[in-house]
Amino acid sequence: LEYEDELDEITADDGALAAFREAKDEGLIEHIGLT
């Protein structure tokens, strides 16, 4: 993560985080992190 607008994009309804959370509910990932 390098720029503020990326953070907006990731946390939007159609952003990466929504996918992460779904994958977590499905048991494909255990925890969510950030680099």
PDB file of all heavy atoms in Angstrom:
ATOM      1  N   LEU A   1       0.852  -1.195   0.000  1.00  0.00           N
ATOM      2  CA  LEU A   1       0.000   0.000   0.000  1.00  0.00           C
ATOM      3  C   LEU A   1       0.888   1.245   0.000  1.00  0.00           C
ATOM      4  O   LEU A   1       1.706   1.411   0.900  1.00  0.00           O
ATOM      5  CB  LEU A   1      -0.884  -0.022   1.255  1.00  0.00           C
ATOM      6  CG  LEU A   1      -1.863   1.133   1.395  1.00  0.00           C
ATOM      7  CD1 LEU A   1      -2.989   1.014   0.373  1.00  0.00           C
ATOM      8  CD2 LEU A   1      -2.446   1.179   2.799  1.00  0.00           C
ATOM      9  N   GLU A   2       0.722   2.110  -1.012  1.00  0.00           N
ATOM     10  CA  GLU A   2       1.602   3.282  -1.107  1.00  0.00           C
ATOM     11  C   GLU A   2       0.861   4.618  -1.087  1.00  0.00           C
ATOM     12  O   GLU A   2       1.436   5.638  -0.746  1.00  0.00           O
ATOM     13  CB  GLU A   2       2.432   3.236  -2.412  1.00  0.00           C
ATOM     14  CG  GLU A   2       3.268   1.980  -2.595  1.00  0.00           C
ATOM     15  CD  GLU A   2       4.273   1.732  -1.484  1.00  0.00           C
ATOM     16  OE1 GLU A   2       4.761   2.706  -0.878  1.00  0.00           O
ATOM     17  OE2 GLU A   2       4.549   0.552  -1.198  1.00  0.00           O
ATOM     18  N   TYR A   3      -0.398   4.635  -1.525  1.00  0.00           N
ATOM     19  CA  TYR A   3      -1.095   5.916  -1.692  1.00  0.00           C
ATOM     20  C   TYR A   3      -2.474   5.885  -1.054  1.00  0.00           C
ATOM     21  O   TYR A   3      -3.139   4.853  -1.022  1.00  0.00           O
ATOM     22  CB  TYR A   3      -1.240   6.249  -3.194  1.00  0.00           C
ATOM     23  CG  TYR A   3       0.063   6.237  -3.920  1.00  0.00           C
ATOM     24  CD1 TYR A   3       0.394   5.172  -4.767  1.00  0.00           C
ATOM     25  CD2 TYR A   3       0.989   7.272  -3.762  1.00  0.00           C
ATOM     26  CE1 TYR A   3       1.621   5.144  -5.433  1.00  0.00           C
ATOM     27  CE2 TYR A   3       2.205   7.253  -4.418  1.00  0.00           C
ATOM     28  CZ  TYR A   3       2.524   6.187  -5.252  1.00  0.00           C
ATOM     29  OH  TYR A   3       3.735   6.155  -5.891  1.00  0.00           O
ATOM     30  N   GLU A   4      -2.905   7.051  -0.586  1.00  0.00           N
ATOM     31  CA  GLU A   4      -4.203   7.198   0.074  1.00  0.00           C
ATOM     32  C   GLU A   4      -5.346   6.729  -0.836  1.00  0.00           C
ATOM     33  O   GLU A   4      -6.276   6.071  -0.387  1.00  0.00           O
ATOM     34  CB  GLU A   4      -4.396   8.670   0.458  1.00  0.00           C
ATOM     35  CG  GLU A   4      -5.490   8.910   1.478  1.00  0.00           C
ATOM     36  CD  GLU A   4      -5.140   8.471   2.901  1.00  0.00           C
ATOM     37  OE1 GLU A   4      -4.041   8.794   3.381  1.00  0.00           O
ATOM     38  OE2 GLU A   4      -5.993   7.809   3.517  1.00  0.00           O
ATOM     39  N   ASP A   5      -5.260   7.059  -2.140  1.00  0.00           N
ATOM     40  CA  ASP A   5      -6.384   6.688  -3.025  1.00  0.00           C
ATOM     41  C   ASP A   5      -6.488   5.165  -3.180  1.00  0.00           C
ATOM     42  O   ASP A   5      -7.562   4.623  -3.424  1.00  0.00           O
ATOM     43  CB  ASP A   5      -6.308   7.397  -4.389  1.00  0.00           C
ATOM     44  CG  ASP A   5      -5.032   7.096  -5.147  1.00  0.00           C
ATOM     45  OD1 ASP A   5      -4.112   6.499  -4.551  1.00  0.00           O
ATOM     46  OD2 ASP A   5      -4.934   7.469  -6.330  1.00  0.00           O
ATOM     47  N   GLU A   6      -5.363   4.459  -2.990  1.00  0.00           N
ATOM     48  CA  GLU A   6      -5.426   2.984  -3.014  1.00  0.00           C
ATOM     49  C   GLU A   6      -6.232   2.472  -1.817  1.00  0.00           C
ATOM     50  O   GLU A   6      -6.955   1.488  -1.922  1.00  0.00           O
ATOM     51  CB  GLU A   6      -4.018   2.389  -2.907  1.00  0.00           C
ATOM     52  CG  GLU A   6      -3.162   2.534  -4.128  1.00  0.00           C
ATOM     53  CD  GLU A   6      -1.817   1.856  -3.883  1.00  0.00           C
ATOM     54  OE1 GLU A   6      -0.997   2.396  -3.124  1.00  0.00           O
ATOM     55  OE2 GLU A   6      -1.608   0.764  -4.445  1.00  0.00           O
ATOM     56  N   LEU A   7      -6.062   3.149  -0.695  1.00  0.00           N
ATOM     57  CA  LEU A   7      -6.791   2.758   0.507  1.00  0.00           C
ATOM     58  C   LEU A   7      -8.295   2.950   0.290  1.00  0.00           C
ATOM     59  O   LEU A   7      -9.103   2.107   0.688  1.00  0.00           O
ATOM     60  CB  LEU A   7      -6.290   3.584   1.699  1.00  0.00           C
ATOM     61  CG  LEU A   7      -6.757   3.188   3.091  1.00  0.00           C
ATOM     62  CD1 LEU A   7      -6.511   1.709   3.381  1.00  0.00           C
ATOM     63  CD2 LEU A   7      -6.078   4.053   4.156  1.00  0.00           C
ATOM     64  N   ASP A   8      -8.657   4.044  -0.376  1.00  0.00           N
ATOM     65  CA  ASP A   8     -10.066   4.284  -0.731  1.00  0.00           C
ATOM     66  C   ASP A   8     -10.595   3.145  -1.593  1.00  0.00           C
ATOM     67  O   ASP A   8     -11.698   2.637  -1.388  1.00  0.00           O
ATOM     68  CB  ASP A   8     -10.222   5.602  -1.498  1.00  0.00           C
ATOM     69  CG  ASP A   8      -9.873   6.811  -0.638  1.00  0.00           C
ATOM     70  OD1 ASP A   8      -9.905   6.678   0.607  1.00  0.00           O
ATOM     71  OD2 ASP A   8      -9.563   7.879  -1.202  1.00  0.00           O
ATOM     72  N   GLU A   9      -9.756   2.770  -2.572  1.00  0.00           N
ATOM     73  CA  GLU A   9     -10.156   1.737  -3.532  1.00  0.00           C
ATOM     74  C   GLU A   9     -10.350   0.382  -2.835  1.00  0.00           C
ATOM     75  O   GLU A   9     -11.341  -0.315  -3.047  1.00  0.00           O
ATOM     76  CB  GLU A   9      -9.027   1.614  -4.572  1.00  0.00           C
ATOM     77  CG  GLU A   9      -9.481   1.243  -5.955  1.00  0.00           C
ATOM     78  CD  GLU A   9      -8.277   1.213  -6.907  1.00  0.00           C
ATOM     79  OE1 GLU A   9      -7.366   2.053  -6.768  1.00  0.00           O
ATOM     80  OE2 GLU A   9      -8.276   0.325  -7.776  1.00  0.00           O
ATOM     81  N   ILE A  10      -9.393   0.022  -1.975  1.00  0.00           N
ATOM     82  CA  ILE A  10      -9.431  -1.267  -1.285  1.00  0.00           C
ATOM     83  C   ILE A  10     -10.642  -1.382  -0.363  1.00  0.00           C
ATOM     84  O   ILE A  10     -11.260  -2.444  -0.256  1.00  0.00           O
ATOM     85  CB  ILE A  10      -8.131  -1.453  -0.458  1.00  0.00           C
ATOM     86  CG1 ILE A  10      -6.938  -1.663  -1.391  1.00  0.00           C
ATOM     87  CG2 ILE A  10      -8.228  -2.615   0.507  1.00  0.00           C
ATOM     88  CD1 ILE A  10      -5.619  -1.311  -0.755  1.00  0.00           C
ATOM     89  N   THR A  11     -10.970  -0.276   0.310  1.00  0.00           N
ATOM     90  CA  THR A  11     -12.046  -0.316   1.313  1.00  0.00           C
ATOM     91  C   THR A  11     -13.425  -0.019   0.712  1.00  0.00           C
ATOM     92  O   THR A  11     -14.428  -0.084   1.417  1.00  0.00           O
ATOM     93  CB  THR A  11     -11.755   0.687   2.456  1.00  0.00           C
ATOM     94  OG1 THR A  11     -11.473   1.966   1.882  1.00  0.00           O
ATOM     95  CG2 THR A  11     -10.564   0.254   3.287  1.00  0.00           C
ATOM     96  N   ALA A  12     -13.481   0.298  -0.589  1.00  0.00           N
ATOM     97  CA  ALA A  12     -14.777   0.546  -1.244  1.00  0.00           C
ATOM     98  C   ALA A  12     -15.596  -0.748  -1.294  1.00  0.00           C
ATOM     99  O   ALA A  12     -15.065  -1.842  -1.084  1.00  0.00           O
ATOM    100  CB  ALA A  12     -14.551   1.083  -2.654  1.00  0.00           C
ATOM    101  N   ASP A  13     -16.893  -0.610  -1.584  1.00  0.00           N
ATOM    102  CA  ASP A  13     -17.775  -1.789  -1.638  1.00  0.00           C
ATOM    103  C   ASP A  13     -17.296  -2.829  -2.638  1.00  0.00           C
ATOM    104  O   ASP A  13     -17.467  -4.031  -2.429  1.00  0.00           O
ATOM    105  CB  ASP A  13     -19.208  -1.366  -1.998  1.00  0.00           C
ATOM    106  CG  ASP A  13     -19.846  -0.579  -0.855  1.00  0.00           C
ATOM    107  OD1 ASP A  13     -19.295  -0.626   0.272  1.00  0.00           O
ATOM    108  OD2 ASP A  13     -20.870   0.087  -1.089  1.00  0.00           O
ATOM    109  N   ASP A  14     -16.689  -2.352  -3.730  1.00  0.00           N
ATOM    110  CA  ASP A  14     -16.212  -3.296  -4.759  1.00  0.00           C
ATOM    111  C   ASP A  14     -14.683  -3.413  -4.701  1.00  0.00           C
ATOM    112  O   ASP A  14     -14.020  -3.690  -5.688  1.00  0.00           O
ATOM    113  CB  ASP A  14     -16.654  -2.843  -6.158  1.00  0.00           C
ATOM    114  CG  ASP A  14     -16.135  -1.444  -6.493  1.00  0.00           C
ATOM    115  OD1 ASP A  14     -15.602  -0.754  -5.576  1.00  0.00           O
ATOM    116  OD2 ASP A  14     -16.250  -1.034  -7.666  1.00  0.00           O
ATOM    117  N   GLY A  15     -14.140  -3.207  -3.487  1.00  0.00           N
ATOM    118  CA  GLY A  15     -12.684  -3.246  -3.322  1.00  0.00           C
ATOM    119  C   GLY A  15     -12.184  -4.615  -2.880  1.00  0.00           C
ATOM    120  O   GLY A  15     -12.960  -5.528  -2.570  1.00  0.00           O
ATOM    121  N   ALA A  16     -10.861  -4.724  -2.838  1.00  0.00           N
ATOM    122  CA  ALA A  16     -10.205  -5.995  -2.519  1.00  0.00           C
ATOM    123  C   ALA A  16     -10.622  -6.539  -1.150  1.00  0.00           C
ATOM    124  O   ALA A  16     -10.765  -7.753  -0.967  1.00  0.00           O
ATOM    125  CB  ALA A  16      -8.688  -5.806  -2.553  1.00  0.00           C
ATOM    126  N   LEU A  17     -10.844  -5.647  -0.208  1.00  0.00           N
ATOM    127  CA  LEU A  17     -11.160  -6.074   1.147  1.00  0.00           C
ATOM    128  C   LEU A  17     -12.453  -6.894   1.216  1.00  0.00           C
ATOM    129  O   LEU A  17     -12.557  -7.841   2.007  1.00  0.00           O
ATOM    130  CB  LEU A  17     -11.262  -4.841   2.043  1.00  0.00           C
ATOM    131  CG  LEU A  17     -10.855  -5.001   3.490  1.00  0.00           C
ATOM    132  CD1 LEU A  17      -9.491  -5.645   3.641  1.00  0.00           C
ATOM    133  CD2 LEU A  17     -10.875  -3.642   4.179  1.00  0.00           C
ATOM    134  N   ALA A  18     -13.415  -6.517   0.369  1.00  0.00           N
ATOM    135  CA  ALA A  18     -14.680  -7.269   0.330  1.00  0.00           C
ATOM    136  C   ALA A  18     -14.406  -8.715  -0.090  1.00  0.00           C
ATOM    137  O   ALA A  18     -14.990  -9.662   0.455  1.00  0.00           O
ATOM    138  CB  ALA A  18     -15.656  -6.601  -0.635  1.00  0.00           C
ATOM    139  N   ALA A  19     -13.472  -8.893  -1.036  1.00  0.00           N
ATOM    140  CA  ALA A  19     -13.100 -10.245  -1.477  1.00  0.00           C
ATOM    141  C   ALA A  19     -12.392 -10.996  -0.346  1.00  0.00           C
ATOM    142  O   ALA A  19     -12.663 -12.179  -0.096  1.00  0.00           O
ATOM    143  CB  ALA A  19     -12.198 -10.159  -2.709  1.00  0.00           C
ATOM    144  N   PHE A  20     -11.465 -10.292   0.337  1.00  0.00           N
ATOM    145  CA  PHE A  20     -10.745 -10.910   1.456  1.00  0.00           C
ATOM    146  C   PHE A  20     -11.746 -11.430   2.495  1.00  0.00           C
ATOM    147  O   PHE A  20     -11.606 -12.543   3.014  1.00  0.00           O
ATOM    148  CB  PHE A  20      -9.851  -9.873   2.156  1.00  0.00           C
ATOM    149  CG  PHE A  20      -8.544  -9.558   1.470  1.00  0.00           C
ATOM    150  CD1 PHE A  20      -8.433  -9.536   0.090  1.00  0.00           C
ATOM    151  CD2 PHE A  20      -7.418  -9.269   2.222  1.00  0.00           C
ATOM    152  CE1 PHE A  20      -7.224  -9.230  -0.529  1.00  0.00           C
ATOM    153  CE2 PHE A  20      -6.205  -8.964   1.619  1.00  0.00           C
ATOM    154  CZ  PHE A  20      -6.109  -8.942   0.242  1.00  0.00           C
ATOM    155  N   ARG A  21     -12.732 -10.594   2.813  1.00  0.00           N
ATOM    156  CA  ARG A  21     -13.678 -10.964   3.880  1.00  0.00           C
ATOM    157  C   ARG A  21     -14.557 -12.138   3.474  1.00  0.00           C
ATOM    158  O   ARG A  21     -14.847 -13.016   4.296  1.00  0.00           O
ATOM    159  CB  ARG A  21     -14.507  -9.742   4.271  1.00  0.00           C
ATOM    160  CG  ARG A  21     -13.668  -8.754   5.078  1.00  0.00           C
ATOM    161  CD  ARG A  21     -14.336  -7.426   5.268  1.00  0.00           C
ATOM    162  NE  ARG A  21     -13.500  -6.544   6.099  1.00  0.00           N
ATOM    163  CZ  ARG A  21     -13.568  -5.219   6.086  1.00  0.00           C
ATOM    164  NH1 ARG A  21     -14.425  -4.607   5.270  1.00  0.00           N
ATOM    165  NH2 ARG A  21     -12.787  -4.496   6.862  1.00  0.00           N
ATOM    166  N   GLU A  22     -14.951 -12.156   2.212  1.00  0.00           N
ATOM    167  CA  GLU A  22     -15.734 -13.304   1.715  1.00  0.00           C
ATOM    168  C   GLU A  22     -14.897 -14.576   1.782  1.00  0.00           C
ATOM    169  O   GLU A  22     -15.384 -15.628   2.202  1.00  0.00           O
ATOM    170  CB  GLU A  22     -16.164 -13.058   0.263  1.00  0.00           C
ATOM    171  CG  GLU A  22     -17.477 -12.332   0.149  1.00  0.00           C
ATOM    172  CD  GLU A  22     -17.849 -12.072  -1.311  1.00  0.00           C
ATOM    173  OE1 GLU A  22     -17.457 -12.860  -2.200  1.00  0.00           O
ATOM    174  OE2 GLU A  22     -18.541 -11.073  -1.554  1.00  0.00           O
ATOM    175  N   ALA A  23     -13.644 -14.452   1.344  1.00  0.00           N
ATOM    176  CA  ALA A  23     -12.753 -15.621   1.344  1.00  0.00           C
ATOM    177  C   ALA A  23     -12.543 -16.122   2.773  1.00  0.00           C
ATOM    178  O   ALA A  23     -12.439 -17.322   3.020  1.00  0.00           O
ATOM    179  CB  ALA A  23     -11.417 -15.256   0.708  1.00  0.00           C
ATOM    180  N   LYS A  24     -12.513 -15.187   3.715  1.00  0.00           N
ATOM    181  CA  LYS A  24     -12.350 -15.553   5.128  1.00  0.00           C
ATOM    182  C   LYS A  24     -13.584 -16.313   5.609  1.00  0.00           C
ATOM    183  O   LYS A  24     -13.472 -17.351   6.271  1.00  0.00           O
ATOM    184  CB  LYS A  24     -12.125 -14.283   5.953  1.00  0.00           C
ATOM    185  CG  LYS A  24     -11.655 -14.552   7.359  1.00  0.00           C
ATOM    186  CD  LYS A  24     -11.336 -13.248   8.086  1.00  0.00           C
ATOM    187  CE  LYS A  24     -11.181 -13.520   9.575  1.00  0.00           C
ATOM    188  NZ  LYS A  24     -10.982 -12.296  10.344  1.00  0.00           N
ATOM    189  N   ASP A  25     -14.772 -15.812   5.238  1.00  0.00           N
ATOM    190  CA  ASP A  25     -16.015 -16.507   5.604  1.00  0.00           C
ATOM    191  C   ASP A  25     -16.054 -17.916   5.013  1.00  0.00           C
ATOM    192  O   ASP A  25     -16.602 -18.833   5.616  1.00  0.00           O
ATOM    193  CB  ASP A  25     -17.240 -15.724   5.114  1.00  0.00           C
ATOM    194  CG  ASP A  25     -17.429 -14.426   5.903  1.00  0.00           C
ATOM    195  OD1 ASP A  25     -16.852 -14.317   7.009  1.00  0.00           O
ATOM    196  OD2 ASP A  25     -18.120 -13.520   5.408  1.00  0.00           O
ATOM    197  N   GLU A  26     -15.455 -18.060   3.835  1.00  0.00           N
ATOM    198  CA  GLU A  26     -15.456 -19.379   3.166  1.00  0.00           C
ATOM    199  C   GLU A  26     -14.329 -20.282   3.657  1.00  0.00           C
ATOM    200  O   GLU A  26     -14.183 -21.404   3.183  1.00  0.00           O
ATOM    201  CB  GLU A  26     -15.336 -19.183   1.650  1.00  0.00           C
ATOM    202  CG  GLU A  26     -16.592 -18.613   1.027  1.00  0.00           C
ATOM    203  CD  GLU A  26     -16.457 -18.412  -0.481  1.00  0.00           C
ATOM    204  OE1 GLU A  26     -15.670 -19.149  -1.117  1.00  0.00           O
ATOM    205  OE2 GLU A  26     -17.136 -17.516  -1.014  1.00  0.00           O
ATOM    206  N   GLY A  27     -13.478 -19.761   4.560  1.00  0.00           N
ATOM    207  CA  GLY A  27     -12.393 -20.583   5.102  1.00  0.00           C
ATOM    208  C   GLY A  27     -11.166 -20.681   4.210  1.00  0.00           C
ATOM    209  O   GLY A  27     -10.279 -21.502   4.447  1.00  0.00           O
ATOM    210  N   LEU A  28     -11.095 -19.839   3.163  1.00  0.00           N
ATOM    211  CA  LEU A  28      -9.926 -19.884   2.269  1.00  0.00           C
ATOM    212  C   LEU A  28      -8.756 -19.102   2.859  1.00  0.00           C
ATOM    213  O   LEU A  28      -7.597 -19.373   2.554  1.00  0.00           O
ATOM    214  CB  LEU A  28     -10.270 -19.309   0.888  1.00  0.00           C
ATOM    215  CG  LEU A  28     -11.350 -20.069   0.114  1.00  0.00           C
ATOM    216  CD1 LEU A  28     -11.687 -19.343  -1.178  1.00  0.00           C
ATOM    217  CD2 LEU A  28     -10.890 -21.497  -0.188  1.00  0.00           C
ATOM    218  N   ILE A  29      -9.076 -18.105   3.676  1.00  0.00           N
ATOM    219  CA  ILE A  29      -8.025 -17.398   4.408  1.00  0.00           C
ATOM    220  C   ILE A  29      -8.438 -17.286   5.878  1.00  0.00           C
ATOM    221  O   ILE A  29      -9.630 -17.253   6.191  1.00  0.00           O
ATOM    222  CB  ILE A  29      -7.705 -16.001   3.817  1.00  0.00           C
ATOM    223  CG1 ILE A  29      -8.882 -15.042   3.914  1.00  0.00           C
ATOM    224  CG2 ILE A  29      -7.257 -16.098   2.377  1.00  0.00           C
ATOM    225  CD1 ILE A  29      -8.607 -13.672   3.318  1.00  0.00           C
ATOM    226  N   GLU A  30      -7.442 -17.238   6.744  1.00  0.00           N
ATOM    227  CA  GLU A  30      -7.711 -17.187   8.187  1.00  0.00           C
ATOM    228  C   GLU A  30      -7.708 -15.759   8.715  1.00  0.00           C
ATOM    229  O   GLU A  30      -8.526 -15.393   9.537  1.00  0.00           O
ATOM    230  CB  GLU A  30      -6.642 -17.999   8.940  1.00  0.00           C
ATOM    231  CG  GLU A  30      -6.719 -19.500   8.726  1.00  0.00           C
ATOM    232  CD  GLU A  30      -7.891 -20.131   9.466  1.00  0.00           C
ATOM    233  OE1 GLU A  30      -8.265 -19.638  10.546  1.00  0.00           O
ATOM    234  OE2 GLU A  30      -8.436 -21.117   8.944  1.00  0.00           O
ATOM    235  N   HIS A  31      -6.706 -14.972   8.273  1.00  0.00           N
ATOM    236  CA  HIS A  31      -6.527 -13.623   8.821  1.00  0.00           C
ATOM    237  C   HIS A  31      -6.189 -12.643   7.701  1.00  0.00           C
ATOM    238  O   HIS A  31      -5.664 -13.038   6.668  1.00  0.00           O
ATOM    239  CB  HIS A  31      -5.389 -13.600   9.854  1.00  0.00           C
ATOM    240  CG  HIS A  31      -5.547 -14.613  10.942  1.00  0.00           C
ATOM    241  ND1 HIS A  31      -6.426 -14.463  11.985  1.00  0.00           N
ATOM    242  CD2 HIS A  31      -4.949 -15.827  11.114  1.00  0.00           C
ATOM    243  CE1 HIS A  31      -6.368 -15.521  12.769  1.00  0.00           C
ATOM    244  NE2 HIS A  31      -5.486 -16.369  12.268  1.00  0.00           N
ATOM    245  N   ILE A  32      -6.466 -11.358   7.964  1.00  0.00           N
ATOM    246  CA  ILE A  32      -6.228 -10.300   6.969  1.00  0.00           C
ATOM    247  C   ILE A  32      -5.110  -9.396   7.464  1.00  0.00           C
ATOM    248  O   ILE A  32      -5.086  -9.000   8.638  1.00  0.00           O
ATOM    249  CB  ILE A  32      -7.527  -9.496   6.742  1.00  0.00           C
ATOM    250  CG1 ILE A  32      -8.594 -10.404   6.092  1.00  0.00           C
ATOM    251  CG2 ILE A  32      -7.271  -8.260   5.881  1.00  0.00           C
ATOM    252  CD1 ILE A  32      -9.979  -9.784   6.009  1.00  0.00           C
ATOM    253  N   GLY A  33      -4.171  -9.087   6.565  1.00  0.00           N
ATOM    254  CA  GLY A  33      -3.053  -8.213   6.927  1.00  0.00           C
ATOM    255  C   GLY A  33      -2.807  -7.169   5.854  1.00  0.00           C
ATOM    256  O   GLY A  33      -3.510  -7.102   4.844  1.00  0.00           O
ATOM    257  N   LEU A  34      -1.778  -6.364   6.095  1.00  0.00           N
ATOM    258  CA  LEU A  34      -1.455  -5.277   5.174  1.00  0.00           C
ATOM    259  C   LEU A  34       0.059  -5.096   5.152  1.00  0.00           C
ATOM    260  O   LEU A  34       0.712  -5.210   6.188  1.00  0.00           O
ATOM    261  CB  LEU A  34      -2.111  -3.997   5.701  1.00  0.00           C
ATOM    262  CG  LEU A  34      -1.764  -2.708   4.979  1.00  0.00           C
ATOM    263  CD1 LEU A  34      -2.916  -2.331   4.053  1.00  0.00           C
ATOM    264  CD2 LEU A  34      -1.528  -1.569   5.958  1.00  0.00           C
ATOM    265  N   THR A  35       0.619  -4.826   3.987  1.00  0.00           N
ATOM    266  CA  THR A  35       2.042  -4.505   3.904  1.00  0.00           C
ATOM    267  C   THR A  35       2.216  -3.161   3.212  1.00  0.00           C
ATOM    268  O   THR A  35       1.428  -2.803   2.335  1.00  0.00           O
ATOM    269  CB  THR A  35       2.847  -5.579   3.123  1.00  0.00           C
ATOM    270  OG1 THR A  35       2.756  -5.326   1.713  1.00  0.00           O
ATOM    271  CG2 THR A  35       2.348  -6.987   3.398  1.00  0.00           C
TER     272      THR A  35
END
